[in-house]
Amino acid sequence: MGIRDNNVIIYDTTLRDGAQAEGISFTVGDKLNIVKTLDEFGISYIEAGNPGSNSKDEEFFIKVRDLKLKHSTIVAFGSTRRANIKVEEDANIKSLIKADTKTVAIFGKSWGMHVTEILHTTLEENLAMIGDSIKYLKSLNKEVIFDSEHFFDGYKEDKAYAISTLKVAEESGADYIVLCDTNGGSIPSEIGEISKEIMYQIKVPLGIHCHNDSGVAVANTLIAIQNGLVMIQGTINGYGERCGNTDLCTIIPNLELKLNKKCLEEGKLMQIASLARYISEIANFSHNERAPYVGNSAFAHKGGMHIDAVLKNPTSFEHISPESVGNRRRLLMSEVSGRSTIMAKINEVEPWLNKDSIETKKIIDKLKDMEHEGYQFEGADGSFKLMIRRVLGKNKKFFDVKEFQVNCAEHWKKENSSYALIKVEVDGNEEITAAEGDGPVNALDGALRKALKVFYPSLNKIRLTDYKVRVLDTSEATRARVRVHIETTDGEKVWSTVGVSTNLIEASWIALIDSIEFFLNQDD
């Protein structure tokens, strides 16, 4: 059941509310993998779907029974009974029971407008729907969480009626009552004042469920917790309908590190950055690199003065230790970087070098030459570290590309419009492969990795997540040099590489080679 005796209970609804986000469609296998990951992380409750809404969720609730969970309680979600029907005859209630979970969450309306204009029933019947549903589920020995849908909007329109829906839920035996800002239109001062008042009127443990339509879901959740609420409903990476839900990857570190409220077992917070990225991968979304705590840019420093300060005292520009959330500090190479930045980056590869070393001078000279050619290493740590290793003669060469060809077919406007042929050599053994792709770069990428996976199966873990091209000297028109940045991930770490050439294919090729070499050096 998770950590019920600690300060805050985390209730994850990534698989239900998060799955309603535009562009997300989890398979049953995806959902089972997410459940296992959230359980290992230590989430108390996992709201896994609405068994009455689709056959996929029905299949999931059958298969999830076979999982041996250590921390998490699986929750089936659905609505109260419909108007003017016996609770035991309601199809949705039957589906909740069929899901066979110990805990169920049901939502009911707390906003009079929704009752009369959306459900087309009376305010009195709505109260009966809430009460009947909770009493019936409690008679079956279920733990019941009542989601008071549109509570804050309802409160602002008709305070007495909104509170009456909570009173009915409490009297009917609900174990938790969750106040929902379903439209996401409330602001922290409103959430704080209303939460404080409800705390005096309802004795059942209260929770908070916020949407991010005003951009303040995390702030709303924090202030609710500070006013005594004990359960947080949210999603990993803030996925959810419209603008999303409270981002658990932001709220959990805020609770643990800022408010000293425990919601995870000791040491688990260090897994949150990799958890966030893992869920991004399954959702097939580019990870938000500017997300607080878990983004790749969360502890990235670019300005020379900032970097100099953070190297002297990390707290000067870092509000927490990056390692506490499983992240890392990044010092960006750019036109505003100072010599201390370059030295710090060099020391990440070779700690024994100092600013007076002959090797350091060689590296800086090489850096200047490459920058003159158009290279820029901001956000291209992979290529910069490889350059250092190459200058020092310490870069391990894992493969040689003997030759390659790339062609664009006549049907260039269609998918798989290009194909590439490549020959690589590894320890005297040659491999020749071909691959199709959506354009020449995609075909080259596919062919190269297809060939190298024969020798290095770990390459199955990596994939490109971003590809950018910038024309450097536009006055040269089609003869201009281009700089290609690519970003690659293995599902946990992210690294970026860069290539420059007057030939777009060659620039892309340089960045691709660096990407794979960097991974193999790290994996070795």
Foldseek 3Di string as FASTA:
>chain_A
DFDVVFFAAEAEECQAQLCQFPLFDFALVLLLVLVQVVLVLGHAEYAHYQQLPDVRSVVSLVVNVPDDGDHYFYEHEEEFAAFPDQRVPGSSLVSRVSSVGQEYEYEAELAQCCVCPVSVDHLVRSLVSLLNRLLVVVVVNHQYEYEHPCLLVRCVVPVVSSVSSVVSNQVSPHQEYEYENNVQPDAQVSLLVVLLVVVVVHPRAYEYWHACPVPCQLVSRVSSSVSPHHYYYAHDVQRGYDRGIHHCLPNQCCCCVPVVTDHGPPPSQLCSLLSSLLSCVSRVHQRDLCDALNHLCNQEDEAQVLVVVCVVPVVVPHVDASSSNNYHHHYFFAPRHDPVSVQVLLCVQPVVDDCPDPLNVQLVVVVVVVVVLPDGGGQASLASSQSSCVSVVNQDDFKDWPDKDKDAAPVLVDFLRIKMWTWMDGPRDIDIFMATGNDRLRRVLVRVLVRCCVVVVLSVQKDWDDKDKDFDDCVVPLQTKIKIKIWMDSSRDIHIHMAIDSDPNVRSVRRSVSVVSSVVVVVD
